[in-house]
N, C-alpha and C. Protein backbone atom coordinates (compact mmCIF):
# COMPACT_ATOMS: atom_id res chain seq x y z
N MET A 1 0.82 -1.22 0.00
CA MET A 1 0.00 0.00 0.00
C MET A 1 0.84 1.25 0.00
N GLY A 2 1.95 1.23 0.70
CA GLY A 2 2.79 2.41 0.76
C GLY A 2 3.41 2.72 -0.58
N ILE A 3 3.81 1.66 -1.33
CA ILE A 3 4.43 1.86 -2.64
C ILE A 3 3.41 2.41 -3.62
N GLU A 4 2.20 1.87 -3.59
CA GLU A 4 1.16 2.33 -4.52
C GLU A 4 0.80 3.80 -4.25
N LYS A 5 0.74 4.14 -2.96
CA LYS A 5 0.41 5.53 -2.62
C LYS A 5 1.50 6.48 -3.07
N ALA A 6 2.76 6.03 -2.93
CA ALA A 6 3.88 6.88 -3.36
C ALA A 6 3.86 7.07 -4.85
N LEU A 7 3.53 5.99 -5.60
CA LEU A 7 3.48 6.08 -7.05
C LEU A 7 2.35 7.03 -7.49
N ALA A 8 1.21 6.96 -6.79
CA ALA A 8 0.09 7.84 -7.14
C ALA A 8 0.45 9.29 -6.92
N ILE A 9 1.14 9.57 -5.81
CA ILE A 9 1.53 10.95 -5.53
C ILE A 9 2.54 11.44 -6.55
N ALA A 10 3.47 10.58 -6.93
CA ALA A 10 4.48 10.98 -7.92
C ALA A 10 3.84 11.24 -9.27
N GLY A 11 2.86 10.38 -9.64
CA GLY A 11 2.18 10.59 -10.91
C GLY A 11 1.39 11.89 -10.94
N ARG A 12 0.77 12.22 -9.81
CA ARG A 12 0.00 13.47 -9.75
C ARG A 12 0.90 14.68 -9.85
N ASN A 13 2.05 14.61 -9.17
CA ASN A 13 2.99 15.73 -9.23
C ASN A 13 3.55 15.91 -10.63
N CYS A 14 3.76 14.79 -11.30
CA CYS A 14 4.26 14.87 -12.68
C CYS A 14 3.23 15.51 -13.60
N TRP A 15 1.97 15.15 -13.37
CA TRP A 15 0.89 15.73 -14.20
C TRP A 15 0.77 17.23 -13.98
N ILE A 16 0.87 17.66 -12.70
CA ILE A 16 0.79 19.10 -12.39
C ILE A 16 1.95 19.84 -13.02
N SER A 17 3.14 19.24 -13.00
CA SER A 17 4.31 19.88 -13.61
C SER A 17 4.13 20.05 -15.10
N CYS A 18 3.57 19.03 -15.73
CA CYS A 18 3.33 19.12 -17.18
C CYS A 18 2.33 20.23 -17.51
N GLN A 19 1.27 20.31 -16.70
CA GLN A 19 0.28 21.34 -16.95
C GLN A 19 0.86 22.75 -16.75
N THR A 20 1.75 22.86 -15.76
CA THR A 20 2.38 24.16 -15.50
C THR A 20 3.26 24.58 -16.66
N VAL A 21 4.06 23.62 -17.16
CA VAL A 21 4.94 23.91 -18.30
C VAL A 21 4.12 24.28 -19.53
N ARG A 22 3.04 23.55 -19.75
CA ARG A 22 2.19 23.82 -20.90
C ARG A 22 1.56 25.21 -20.80
N SER A 23 1.10 25.59 -19.58
CA SER A 23 0.49 26.91 -19.39
C SER A 23 1.51 28.02 -19.60
N SER A 24 2.74 27.82 -19.11
CA SER A 24 3.76 28.85 -19.30
C SER A 24 4.12 29.00 -20.76
N ARG A 25 4.16 27.90 -21.51
CA ARG A 25 4.43 27.99 -22.94
C ARG A 25 3.30 28.73 -23.67
N SER A 26 2.05 28.44 -23.27
CA SER A 26 0.91 29.12 -23.91
C SER A 26 0.94 30.60 -23.63
N LEU A 27 1.29 30.96 -22.38
CA LEU A 27 1.37 32.36 -22.02
C LEU A 27 2.48 33.07 -22.80
N ALA A 28 3.61 32.37 -22.97
CA ALA A 28 4.71 32.96 -23.73
C ALA A 28 4.32 33.16 -25.19
N ASN A 29 3.59 32.18 -25.76
CA ASN A 29 3.14 32.32 -27.15
C ASN A 29 2.16 33.48 -27.30
N LEU A 30 1.25 33.62 -26.31
CA LEU A 30 0.30 34.74 -26.39
C LEU A 30 1.01 36.08 -26.32
N ARG A 31 2.03 36.16 -25.47
CA ARG A 31 2.78 37.42 -25.38
C ARG A 31 3.50 37.72 -26.68
N ARG A 32 4.07 36.67 -27.29
CA ARG A 32 4.79 36.86 -28.54
C ARG A 32 3.84 37.32 -29.64
N ILE A 33 2.65 36.70 -29.69
CA ILE A 33 1.67 37.07 -30.72
C ILE A 33 1.18 38.50 -30.51
N SER A 34 0.91 38.86 -29.23
CA SER A 34 0.43 40.22 -28.97
C SER A 34 1.48 41.26 -29.32
N THR A 35 2.76 40.90 -29.10
CA THR A 35 3.84 41.83 -29.46
C THR A 35 3.91 42.04 -30.95
N LEU A 36 3.77 40.94 -31.70
CA LEU A 36 3.80 41.05 -33.16
C LEU A 36 2.61 41.86 -33.68
N VAL A 37 1.45 41.60 -33.11
CA VAL A 37 0.26 42.31 -33.55
C VAL A 37 0.38 43.80 -33.25
N SER A 38 0.88 44.13 -32.04
CA SER A 38 1.02 45.55 -31.69
C SER A 38 2.04 46.26 -32.56
N LYS A 39 3.05 45.55 -33.03
CA LYS A 39 4.03 46.15 -33.93
C LYS A 39 3.46 46.38 -35.31
N ASP A 40 2.66 45.41 -35.79
CA ASP A 40 2.12 45.51 -37.14
C ASP A 40 0.88 46.41 -37.21
N ALA A 41 0.13 46.54 -36.09
CA ALA A 41 -1.12 47.31 -36.12
C ALA A 41 -0.80 48.79 -36.27
N PRO A 42 -1.59 49.51 -37.07
CA PRO A 42 -1.35 50.95 -37.25
C PRO A 42 -1.71 51.72 -35.98
N VAL A 43 -0.91 52.71 -35.66
CA VAL A 43 -1.15 53.54 -34.48
C VAL A 43 -2.20 54.59 -34.82
N PRO A 44 -3.30 54.65 -34.06
CA PRO A 44 -4.34 55.65 -34.37
C PRO A 44 -3.81 57.07 -34.19
N GLU A 45 -4.19 57.92 -35.13
CA GLU A 45 -3.73 59.29 -35.07
C GLU A 45 -4.54 60.08 -34.03
N LYS A 46 -3.85 60.92 -33.28
CA LYS A 46 -4.49 61.75 -32.29
C LYS A 46 -5.20 62.91 -32.98
N PRO A 47 -6.49 63.11 -32.70
CA PRO A 47 -7.20 64.21 -33.37
C PRO A 47 -6.60 65.56 -33.00
N SER A 48 -6.55 66.42 -33.95
CA SER A 48 -5.99 67.75 -33.71
C SER A 48 -6.94 68.59 -32.88
N LYS A 49 -6.40 69.63 -32.25
CA LYS A 49 -7.20 70.51 -31.42
C LYS A 49 -8.22 71.26 -32.24
N PHE A 50 -7.86 71.63 -33.46
CA PHE A 50 -8.78 72.38 -34.31
C PHE A 50 -9.99 71.53 -34.70
N SER A 51 -9.73 70.26 -35.05
CA SER A 51 -10.84 69.39 -35.43
C SER A 51 -11.77 69.13 -34.26
N GLY A 52 -11.19 69.05 -33.04
CA GLY A 52 -12.04 68.87 -31.87
C GLY A 52 -12.94 70.07 -31.63
N ILE A 53 -12.42 71.27 -31.82
CA ILE A 53 -13.21 72.49 -31.64
C ILE A 53 -14.32 72.56 -32.68
N VAL A 54 -13.99 72.23 -33.93
CA VAL A 54 -14.99 72.25 -35.00
C VAL A 54 -16.09 71.24 -34.73
N SER A 55 -15.68 70.05 -34.24
CA SER A 55 -16.67 69.01 -33.95
C SER A 55 -17.63 69.45 -32.84
N LYS A 56 -17.09 70.06 -31.78
CA LYS A 56 -17.95 70.54 -30.70
C LYS A 56 -18.86 71.66 -31.18
N TRP A 57 -18.34 72.53 -32.03
CA TRP A 57 -19.14 73.64 -32.56
C TRP A 57 -20.29 73.12 -33.42
N VAL A 58 -20.00 72.13 -34.25
CA VAL A 58 -21.03 71.54 -35.10
C VAL A 58 -22.09 70.84 -34.24
N ASP A 59 -21.65 70.09 -33.22
CA ASP A 59 -22.59 69.40 -32.35
C ASP A 59 -23.49 70.38 -31.61
N TYR A 60 -22.92 71.50 -31.17
CA TYR A 60 -23.71 72.49 -30.43
C TYR A 60 -24.80 73.09 -31.31
N TRP A 61 -24.43 73.55 -32.50
CA TRP A 61 -25.42 74.19 -33.37
C TRP A 61 -26.42 73.19 -33.93
N THR A 62 -26.00 71.95 -34.06
CA THR A 62 -26.95 70.91 -34.47
C THR A 62 -28.00 70.70 -33.39
N ALA A 63 -27.57 70.67 -32.13
CA ALA A 63 -28.52 70.52 -31.02
C ALA A 63 -29.46 71.72 -30.94
N VAL A 64 -28.92 72.93 -31.15
CA VAL A 64 -29.77 74.12 -31.12
C VAL A 64 -30.81 74.07 -32.25
N TYR A 65 -30.36 73.68 -33.43
CA TYR A 65 -31.29 73.58 -34.57
C TYR A 65 -32.39 72.55 -34.29
N ASN A 66 -32.02 71.42 -33.73
CA ASN A 66 -33.01 70.39 -33.43
C ASN A 66 -34.02 70.87 -32.39
N ASP A 67 -33.55 71.61 -31.38
CA ASP A 67 -34.46 72.13 -30.35
C ASP A 67 -35.46 73.11 -30.95
N TYR A 68 -34.97 74.06 -31.75
CA TYR A 68 -35.88 75.05 -32.36
C TYR A 68 -36.83 74.38 -33.36
N ARG A 69 -36.34 73.39 -34.06
CA ARG A 69 -37.20 72.68 -35.01
C ARG A 69 -38.33 71.98 -34.27
N ASP A 70 -38.00 71.30 -33.16
CA ASP A 70 -39.02 70.60 -32.40
C ASP A 70 -40.05 71.58 -31.82
N VAL A 71 -39.57 72.72 -31.33
CA VAL A 71 -40.50 73.72 -30.78
C VAL A 71 -41.42 74.25 -31.87
N THR A 72 -40.85 74.51 -33.05
CA THR A 72 -41.66 75.03 -34.15
C THR A 72 -42.72 74.02 -34.59
N LEU A 73 -42.32 72.76 -34.70
CA LEU A 73 -43.26 71.73 -35.10
C LEU A 73 -44.37 71.55 -34.07
N ASP A 74 -44.00 71.59 -32.78
CA ASP A 74 -45.01 71.47 -31.73
C ASP A 74 -45.97 72.66 -31.74
N THR A 75 -45.44 73.85 -32.01
CA THR A 75 -46.30 75.03 -32.06
C THR A 75 -47.28 74.96 -33.22
N VAL A 76 -46.78 74.55 -34.38
CA VAL A 76 -47.66 74.42 -35.55
C VAL A 76 -48.74 73.38 -35.29
N LYS A 77 -48.37 72.29 -34.64
CA LYS A 77 -49.34 71.25 -34.33
C LYS A 77 -50.39 71.76 -33.35
N THR A 78 -49.96 72.53 -32.35
CA THR A 78 -50.90 73.08 -31.37
C THR A 78 -51.86 74.07 -32.02
N VAL A 79 -51.33 74.89 -32.92
CA VAL A 79 -52.18 75.87 -33.60
C VAL A 79 -53.24 75.18 -34.44
N LYS A 80 -52.87 74.11 -35.10
CA LYS A 80 -53.84 73.38 -35.91
C LYS A 80 -54.91 72.72 -35.05
N GLU A 81 -54.49 72.17 -33.91
CA GLU A 81 -55.44 71.47 -33.06
C GLU A 81 -56.30 72.44 -32.24
N LYS A 82 -55.68 73.55 -31.76
CA LYS A 82 -56.40 74.52 -30.93
C LYS A 82 -56.16 75.92 -31.49
N PRO A 83 -56.98 76.38 -32.42
CA PRO A 83 -56.76 77.70 -33.03
C PRO A 83 -56.79 78.85 -32.03
N ALA A 84 -57.67 78.79 -31.02
CA ALA A 84 -57.75 79.88 -30.05
C ALA A 84 -56.44 80.01 -29.27
N LYS A 85 -55.89 78.89 -28.91
CA LYS A 85 -54.61 78.92 -28.20
C LYS A 85 -53.50 79.45 -29.10
N GLY A 86 -53.58 79.09 -30.38
CA GLY A 86 -52.59 79.59 -31.32
C GLY A 86 -52.67 81.11 -31.48
N ILE A 87 -53.92 81.63 -31.54
CA ILE A 87 -54.08 83.08 -31.63
C ILE A 87 -53.52 83.78 -30.39
N LEU A 88 -53.76 83.18 -29.22
CA LEU A 88 -53.23 83.75 -27.98
C LEU A 88 -51.71 83.77 -28.01
N TYR A 89 -51.10 82.68 -28.47
CA TYR A 89 -49.64 82.64 -28.60
C TYR A 89 -49.14 83.73 -29.54
N ALA A 90 -49.84 83.91 -30.66
CA ALA A 90 -49.42 84.92 -31.64
C ALA A 90 -49.52 86.33 -31.06
N VAL A 91 -50.61 86.58 -30.30
CA VAL A 91 -50.77 87.91 -29.70
C VAL A 91 -49.69 88.17 -28.66
N LEU A 92 -49.43 87.18 -27.82
CA LEU A 92 -48.40 87.35 -26.80
C LEU A 92 -47.02 87.54 -27.42
N MET A 93 -46.74 86.77 -28.46
CA MET A 93 -45.45 86.89 -29.12
C MET A 93 -45.31 88.27 -29.79
N GLY A 94 -46.38 88.71 -30.45
CA GLY A 94 -46.33 90.03 -31.08
C GLY A 94 -46.16 91.13 -30.05
N ALA A 95 -46.86 91.01 -28.91
CA ALA A 95 -46.73 92.03 -27.87
C ALA A 95 -45.32 92.04 -27.29
N ALA A 96 -44.74 90.86 -27.11
CA ALA A 96 -43.37 90.79 -26.58
C ALA A 96 -42.37 91.41 -27.55
N VAL A 97 -42.56 91.14 -28.84
CA VAL A 97 -41.66 91.73 -29.83
C VAL A 97 -41.80 93.25 -29.87
N TYR A 98 -43.04 93.72 -29.79
CA TYR A 98 -43.27 95.17 -29.81
C TYR A 98 -42.66 95.85 -28.59
N LEU A 99 -42.87 95.27 -27.41
CA LEU A 99 -42.33 95.86 -26.20
C LEU A 99 -40.81 95.83 -26.19
N ALA A 100 -40.24 94.73 -26.67
CA ALA A 100 -38.78 94.63 -26.71
C ALA A 100 -38.18 95.64 -27.68
N SER A 101 -38.86 95.86 -28.81
CA SER A 101 -38.34 96.83 -29.78
C SER A 101 -38.47 98.26 -29.28
N ASN A 102 -39.38 98.52 -28.32
CA ASN A 102 -39.56 99.86 -27.76
C ASN A 102 -38.97 99.97 -26.35
N ASN A 103 -38.09 99.05 -26.01
CA ASN A 103 -37.42 99.11 -24.72
C ASN A 103 -36.31 100.17 -24.78
N PRO A 104 -36.44 101.28 -24.03
CA PRO A 104 -35.46 102.36 -24.16
C PRO A 104 -34.09 101.96 -23.63
N THR A 105 -33.05 102.54 -24.22
CA THR A 105 -31.67 102.27 -23.84
C THR A 105 -31.16 103.35 -22.89
N GLU A 106 -29.93 103.17 -22.43
CA GLU A 106 -29.33 104.19 -21.56
C GLU A 106 -29.07 105.48 -22.33
N GLU A 107 -28.75 105.36 -23.62
CA GLU A 107 -28.59 106.57 -24.45
C GLU A 107 -29.91 107.35 -24.53
N ASP A 108 -31.02 106.63 -24.61
CA ASP A 108 -32.32 107.30 -24.62
C ASP A 108 -32.56 108.05 -23.30
N PHE A 109 -32.16 107.44 -22.20
CA PHE A 109 -32.33 108.11 -20.91
C PHE A 109 -31.45 109.35 -20.83
N ARG A 110 -30.22 109.23 -21.33
CA ARG A 110 -29.32 110.39 -21.31
C ARG A 110 -29.88 111.52 -22.17
N ASP A 111 -30.41 111.17 -23.32
CA ASP A 111 -31.00 112.20 -24.19
C ASP A 111 -32.22 112.85 -23.53
N ALA A 112 -33.07 112.04 -22.92
CA ALA A 112 -34.26 112.58 -22.25
C ALA A 112 -33.87 113.47 -21.08
N TYR A 113 -32.82 113.08 -20.36
CA TYR A 113 -32.36 113.90 -19.23
C TYR A 113 -31.83 115.24 -19.71
N LEU A 114 -31.02 115.24 -20.77
CA LEU A 114 -30.47 116.50 -21.29
C LEU A 114 -31.59 117.40 -21.84
N LYS A 115 -32.57 116.80 -22.48
CA LYS A 115 -33.70 117.58 -22.99
C LYS A 115 -34.48 118.21 -21.83
N SER A 116 -34.65 117.44 -20.76
CA SER A 116 -35.35 117.97 -19.59
C SER A 116 -34.57 119.11 -18.96
N CYS A 117 -33.25 118.97 -18.91
CA CYS A 117 -32.43 120.06 -18.36
C CYS A 117 -32.53 121.32 -19.21
N ASN A 118 -32.53 121.15 -20.52
CA ASN A 118 -32.66 122.31 -21.41
C ASN A 118 -34.01 123.00 -21.24
N ASP A 119 -35.06 122.20 -21.09
CA ASP A 119 -36.39 122.79 -20.87
C ASP A 119 -36.47 123.49 -19.51
N PHE A 120 -35.80 122.93 -18.52
CA PHE A 120 -35.88 123.50 -17.17
C PHE A 120 -35.09 124.80 -17.04
N ILE A 121 -34.10 124.99 -17.92
CA ILE A 121 -33.31 126.22 -17.88
C ILE A 121 -34.18 127.45 -18.16
N PHE A 122 -35.18 127.28 -19.02
CA PHE A 122 -36.01 128.42 -19.43
C PHE A 122 -37.10 128.73 -18.41
N VAL A 123 -37.17 127.97 -17.32
CA VAL A 123 -38.13 128.26 -16.26
C VAL A 123 -37.48 129.24 -15.29
N ALA A 124 -38.19 130.27 -14.93
CA ALA A 124 -37.66 131.28 -14.02
C ALA A 124 -37.35 130.66 -12.66
N PRO A 125 -36.24 131.05 -12.04
CA PRO A 125 -35.87 130.46 -10.75
C PRO A 125 -36.94 130.59 -9.68
N ALA A 126 -37.71 131.65 -9.73
CA ALA A 126 -38.72 131.87 -8.69
C ALA A 126 -39.84 130.86 -8.75
N ILE A 127 -40.13 130.33 -9.92
CA ILE A 127 -41.27 129.40 -10.05
C ILE A 127 -40.81 127.97 -10.33
N ARG A 128 -39.55 127.70 -10.21
CA ARG A 128 -39.06 126.34 -10.46
C ARG A 128 -39.53 125.39 -9.35
N ASN A 129 -39.92 124.22 -9.77
CA ASN A 129 -40.33 123.20 -8.80
C ASN A 129 -39.08 122.65 -8.11
N PRO A 130 -39.00 122.74 -6.77
CA PRO A 130 -37.79 122.27 -6.08
C PRO A 130 -37.57 120.76 -6.21
N GLU A 131 -38.65 119.97 -6.30
CA GLU A 131 -38.49 118.53 -6.48
C GLU A 131 -37.87 118.22 -7.84
N THR A 132 -38.31 118.93 -8.88
CA THR A 132 -37.72 118.74 -10.20
C THR A 132 -36.25 119.15 -10.20
N ASP A 133 -35.96 120.29 -9.56
CA ASP A 133 -34.58 120.77 -9.49
C ASP A 133 -33.69 119.76 -8.77
N LEU A 134 -34.16 119.21 -7.66
CA LEU A 134 -33.38 118.24 -6.89
C LEU A 134 -33.17 116.96 -7.69
N HIS A 135 -34.19 116.51 -8.39
CA HIS A 135 -34.08 115.27 -9.17
C HIS A 135 -33.06 115.42 -10.30
N LEU A 136 -33.11 116.50 -11.03
CA LEU A 136 -32.17 116.71 -12.13
C LEU A 136 -30.74 116.89 -11.63
N LYS A 137 -30.57 117.59 -10.51
CA LYS A 137 -29.23 117.75 -9.96
C LYS A 137 -28.68 116.42 -9.42
N SER A 138 -29.55 115.58 -8.88
CA SER A 138 -29.11 114.27 -8.39
C SER A 138 -28.62 113.41 -9.55
N ILE A 139 -29.36 113.42 -10.65
CA ILE A 139 -28.93 112.64 -11.82
C ILE A 139 -27.58 113.15 -12.33
N GLU A 140 -27.41 114.47 -12.36
CA GLU A 140 -26.13 115.04 -12.80
C GLU A 140 -24.99 114.59 -11.89
N LEU A 141 -25.23 114.60 -10.58
CA LEU A 141 -24.21 114.18 -9.63
C LEU A 141 -23.86 112.70 -9.82
N PHE A 142 -24.86 111.86 -10.02
CA PHE A 142 -24.61 110.42 -10.21
C PHE A 142 -23.84 110.16 -11.50
N TYR A 143 -24.14 110.93 -12.55
CA TYR A 143 -23.40 110.77 -13.80
C TYR A 143 -21.94 111.22 -13.63
N ASN A 144 -21.72 112.29 -12.88
CA ASN A 144 -20.36 112.74 -12.64
C ASN A 144 -19.55 111.71 -11.85
N GLN A 145 -20.22 110.97 -10.99
CA GLN A 145 -19.55 109.92 -10.21
C GLN A 145 -19.48 108.59 -10.96
N ASP A 146 -20.09 108.53 -12.15
CA ASP A 146 -20.07 107.32 -12.99
C ASP A 146 -20.68 106.12 -12.25
N ILE A 147 -21.80 106.33 -11.61
CA ILE A 147 -22.45 105.23 -10.89
C ILE A 147 -23.87 104.99 -11.40
N VAL A 148 -24.18 105.51 -12.59
CA VAL A 148 -25.49 105.27 -13.21
C VAL A 148 -25.39 104.04 -14.10
N GLU A 149 -26.33 103.14 -13.97
CA GLU A 149 -26.31 101.89 -14.75
C GLU A 149 -27.72 101.51 -15.18
N ARG A 150 -27.81 100.97 -16.37
CA ARG A 150 -29.09 100.49 -16.90
C ARG A 150 -29.13 98.98 -16.81
N ILE A 151 -30.26 98.45 -16.36
CA ILE A 151 -30.50 97.01 -16.32
C ILE A 151 -31.73 96.73 -17.18
N SER A 152 -31.55 95.89 -18.19
CA SER A 152 -32.65 95.57 -19.11
C SER A 152 -33.30 94.26 -18.72
N PHE A 153 -34.62 94.23 -18.76
CA PHE A 153 -35.40 93.03 -18.52
C PHE A 153 -36.13 92.58 -19.78
N GLY A 154 -35.62 92.96 -20.91
CA GLY A 154 -36.19 92.53 -22.18
C GLY A 154 -37.27 93.47 -22.68
N ILE A 155 -38.35 93.58 -21.94
CA ILE A 155 -39.46 94.42 -22.37
C ILE A 155 -39.48 95.76 -21.63
N PHE A 156 -38.67 95.92 -20.59
CA PHE A 156 -38.54 97.19 -19.89
C PHE A 156 -37.16 97.27 -19.27
N SER A 157 -36.78 98.48 -18.85
CA SER A 157 -35.46 98.70 -18.27
C SER A 157 -35.59 99.58 -17.04
N ILE A 158 -34.58 99.53 -16.20
CA ILE A 158 -34.50 100.43 -15.05
C ILE A 158 -33.14 101.11 -15.05
N ILE A 159 -33.12 102.33 -14.58
CA ILE A 159 -31.88 103.06 -14.35
C ILE A 159 -31.69 103.14 -12.85
N TRP A 160 -30.56 102.63 -12.38
CA TRP A 160 -30.34 102.61 -10.94
C TRP A 160 -28.93 103.11 -10.61
N VAL A 161 -28.69 103.33 -9.32
CA VAL A 161 -27.43 103.90 -8.84
C VAL A 161 -26.60 102.80 -8.19
N LYS A 162 -25.38 102.63 -8.67
CA LYS A 162 -24.46 101.65 -8.10
C LYS A 162 -23.72 102.26 -6.92
N ASP A 163 -22.98 101.39 -6.22
CA ASP A 163 -22.15 101.87 -5.12
C ASP A 163 -20.84 102.46 -5.61
N TYR A 164 -20.29 101.85 -6.67
CA TYR A 164 -18.97 102.26 -7.14
C TYR A 164 -18.97 102.41 -8.65
N SER A 165 -18.05 103.21 -9.12
CA SER A 165 -17.85 103.36 -10.55
C SER A 165 -17.22 102.09 -11.13
N SER A 166 -17.42 101.89 -12.42
CA SER A 166 -16.81 100.74 -13.07
C SER A 166 -15.29 100.84 -13.15
N GLN A 167 -14.76 102.05 -12.92
CA GLN A 167 -13.32 102.26 -12.94
C GLN A 167 -12.66 102.03 -11.59
N VAL A 168 -13.46 101.83 -10.57
CA VAL A 168 -12.92 101.59 -9.23
C VAL A 168 -12.58 100.11 -9.08
N ALA A 169 -11.39 99.83 -8.58
CA ALA A 169 -10.93 98.45 -8.42
C ALA A 169 -10.77 98.09 -6.95
N ALA A 170 -11.52 98.73 -6.07
CA ALA A 170 -11.46 98.40 -4.65
C ALA A 170 -12.07 97.02 -4.40
N TYR A 171 -11.68 96.42 -3.28
CA TYR A 171 -12.15 95.07 -2.96
C TYR A 171 -13.66 95.01 -2.84
N LYS A 172 -14.25 96.05 -2.21
CA LYS A 172 -15.69 96.06 -2.02
C LYS A 172 -16.45 96.12 -3.34
N SER A 173 -15.85 96.74 -4.35
CA SER A 173 -16.52 96.85 -5.65
C SER A 173 -16.37 95.59 -6.49
N LEU A 174 -15.42 94.71 -6.14
CA LEU A 174 -15.18 93.51 -6.92
C LEU A 174 -15.74 92.25 -6.28
N CYS A 175 -15.90 92.26 -4.98
CA CYS A 175 -16.38 91.06 -4.28
C CYS A 175 -17.88 90.89 -4.53
N LYS A 176 -18.25 89.72 -5.03
CA LYS A 176 -19.66 89.47 -5.37
C LYS A 176 -20.53 89.28 -4.13
N TYR A 177 -19.91 89.05 -2.97
CA TYR A 177 -20.68 88.85 -1.75
C TYR A 177 -21.00 90.16 -1.04
N LEU A 178 -20.48 91.27 -1.55
CA LEU A 178 -20.72 92.58 -0.94
C LEU A 178 -21.63 93.43 -1.81
N THR A 179 -22.64 92.82 -2.36
CA THR A 179 -23.61 93.54 -3.18
C THR A 179 -24.55 94.35 -2.28
N PRO A 180 -25.22 95.36 -2.83
CA PRO A 180 -26.15 96.16 -2.01
C PRO A 180 -27.27 95.31 -1.43
N ALA A 181 -27.74 95.71 -0.27
CA ALA A 181 -28.83 94.99 0.38
C ALA A 181 -30.11 95.11 -0.45
N LEU A 182 -30.93 94.06 -0.37
CA LEU A 182 -32.16 94.05 -1.17
C LEU A 182 -33.10 95.17 -0.78
N GLY A 183 -33.06 95.58 0.49
CA GLY A 183 -33.96 96.63 0.94
C GLY A 183 -33.65 98.00 0.37
N THR A 184 -32.45 98.16 -0.19
CA THR A 184 -32.05 99.46 -0.73
C THR A 184 -32.28 99.57 -2.24
N TYR A 185 -32.71 98.50 -2.87
CA TYR A 185 -32.84 98.53 -4.33
C TYR A 185 -33.91 99.52 -4.79
N ARG A 186 -35.00 99.61 -4.07
CA ARG A 186 -36.09 100.50 -4.48
C ARG A 186 -35.63 101.96 -4.42
N ALA A 187 -34.86 102.32 -3.39
CA ALA A 187 -34.39 103.70 -3.28
C ALA A 187 -33.33 104.02 -4.31
N ARG A 188 -32.68 103.01 -4.85
CA ARG A 188 -31.62 103.23 -5.83
C ARG A 188 -32.16 103.43 -7.25
N ILE A 189 -33.39 103.07 -7.49
CA ILE A 189 -33.95 103.16 -8.85
C ILE A 189 -34.23 104.62 -9.18
N LEU A 190 -33.62 105.10 -10.25
CA LEU A 190 -33.84 106.47 -10.71
C LEU A 190 -35.03 106.58 -11.65
N ASP A 191 -35.17 105.58 -12.53
CA ASP A 191 -36.24 105.68 -13.52
C ASP A 191 -36.56 104.29 -14.06
N VAL A 192 -37.73 104.21 -14.67
CA VAL A 192 -38.20 102.97 -15.29
C VAL A 192 -38.54 103.28 -16.74
N GLY A 193 -37.93 102.54 -17.65
CA GLY A 193 -38.19 102.74 -19.07
C GLY A 193 -39.11 101.68 -19.62
N PHE A 194 -40.20 102.12 -20.25
CA PHE A 194 -41.20 101.19 -20.79
C PHE A 194 -41.94 101.88 -21.92
N LEU A 195 -42.12 101.18 -23.03
CA LEU A 195 -42.82 101.71 -24.20
C LEU A 195 -42.16 102.98 -24.73
N GLY A 196 -40.84 102.99 -24.72
CA GLY A 196 -40.10 104.11 -25.28
C GLY A 196 -40.10 105.36 -24.44
N ARG A 197 -40.53 105.27 -23.19
CA ARG A 197 -40.57 106.44 -22.31
C ARG A 197 -39.85 106.14 -21.01
N TRP A 198 -39.38 107.21 -20.38
CA TRP A 198 -38.84 107.14 -19.02
C TRP A 198 -39.87 107.80 -18.11
N TRP A 199 -40.60 106.98 -17.37
CA TRP A 199 -41.83 107.41 -16.72
C TRP A 199 -41.57 108.33 -15.53
N VAL A 200 -40.54 108.08 -14.75
CA VAL A 200 -40.28 108.93 -13.60
C VAL A 200 -39.86 110.33 -14.05
N LEU A 201 -39.00 110.40 -15.04
CA LEU A 201 -38.54 111.70 -15.54
C LEU A 201 -39.70 112.49 -16.14
N ASP A 202 -40.56 111.82 -16.88
CA ASP A 202 -41.73 112.50 -17.44
C ASP A 202 -42.65 113.02 -16.35
N GLU A 203 -42.81 112.23 -15.28
CA GLU A 203 -43.69 112.65 -14.19
C GLU A 203 -43.10 113.83 -13.42
N VAL A 204 -41.77 113.82 -13.25
CA VAL A 204 -41.11 114.91 -12.53
C VAL A 204 -41.19 116.21 -13.31
N MET A 205 -41.15 116.13 -14.65
CA MET A 205 -41.15 117.34 -15.48
C MET A 205 -42.54 117.90 -15.74
N LYS A 206 -43.58 117.24 -15.28
CA LYS A 206 -44.94 117.73 -15.56
C LYS A 206 -45.18 119.10 -14.93
N ASP A 207 -44.85 119.24 -13.67
CA ASP A 207 -45.09 120.49 -12.94
C ASP A 207 -43.77 121.18 -12.61
N CYS A 208 -42.86 121.17 -13.60
CA CYS A 208 -41.54 121.74 -13.33
C CYS A 208 -41.59 123.26 -13.13
N ASP A 209 -42.66 123.91 -13.57
CA ASP A 209 -42.76 125.36 -13.45
C ASP A 209 -43.75 125.79 -12.36
N ILE A 210 -44.00 124.90 -11.42
CA ILE A 210 -44.90 125.21 -10.31
C ILE A 210 -44.12 125.07 -9.01
N ASN A 211 -43.92 126.18 -8.34
CA ASN A 211 -43.24 126.18 -7.04
C ASN A 211 -44.29 126.38 -5.96
N ARG A 212 -44.62 125.33 -5.27
CA ARG A 212 -45.68 125.43 -4.26
C ARG A 212 -45.24 126.18 -3.02
N TYR A 213 -43.94 126.43 -2.93
CA TYR A 213 -43.44 127.20 -1.77
C TYR A 213 -43.28 128.69 -2.11
N GLU A 214 -43.69 129.10 -3.31
CA GLU A 214 -43.47 130.49 -3.73
C GLU A 214 -44.23 131.47 -2.84
N TRP A 215 -45.46 131.14 -2.49
CA TRP A 215 -46.30 132.04 -1.68
C TRP A 215 -46.46 131.52 -0.26
N ALA A 216 -45.50 130.66 0.16
CA ALA A 216 -45.63 130.09 1.50
C ALA A 216 -45.53 131.15 2.58
N GLU A 217 -44.71 132.16 2.36
CA GLU A 217 -44.54 133.19 3.36
C GLU A 217 -45.71 134.19 3.30
């Protein structure tokens, strides 16, 4: 029994050794083949930076075109199915286009302010409205300090007073966390532009030649 057991163990060890040698030879052959293939295979060319930019640009505008096309097709379909809703969309779109085209710019405000100043010059000092005088002088002061800014909301605009000029490079003027408090925004608004007019300036100039304090004494 001892001899047979020893022979069985020796035979098993011999079989394991053969399998190990065979596996190592197979692994060596695979490495040799992979080396040959990697040498013969063409190396893929790295895309240039310019082609990558062009590809991204094309993909972006293609996506934009597809989005607008889908919106247009959906709108046409809705108009056909629900004409009343389509008419409402057309009216709203037309009104938005009209309001946006008549949204006054900062140059319009500057022109209106200068025109108001010229008209106010011809009013006698004794009958000048002090509120109008104060408002026009305040605008002049803010322009001299370069702190007047226009903010557009598409269909209307506001003229408001900033804390600092755009030429100031102080830390407080550059830090985004030091913006004016929300409670002060209403007091900072100088005028509101809508339908091609600056409504506050027009309202201030209505009674520019009426001084209610003229006969106070």
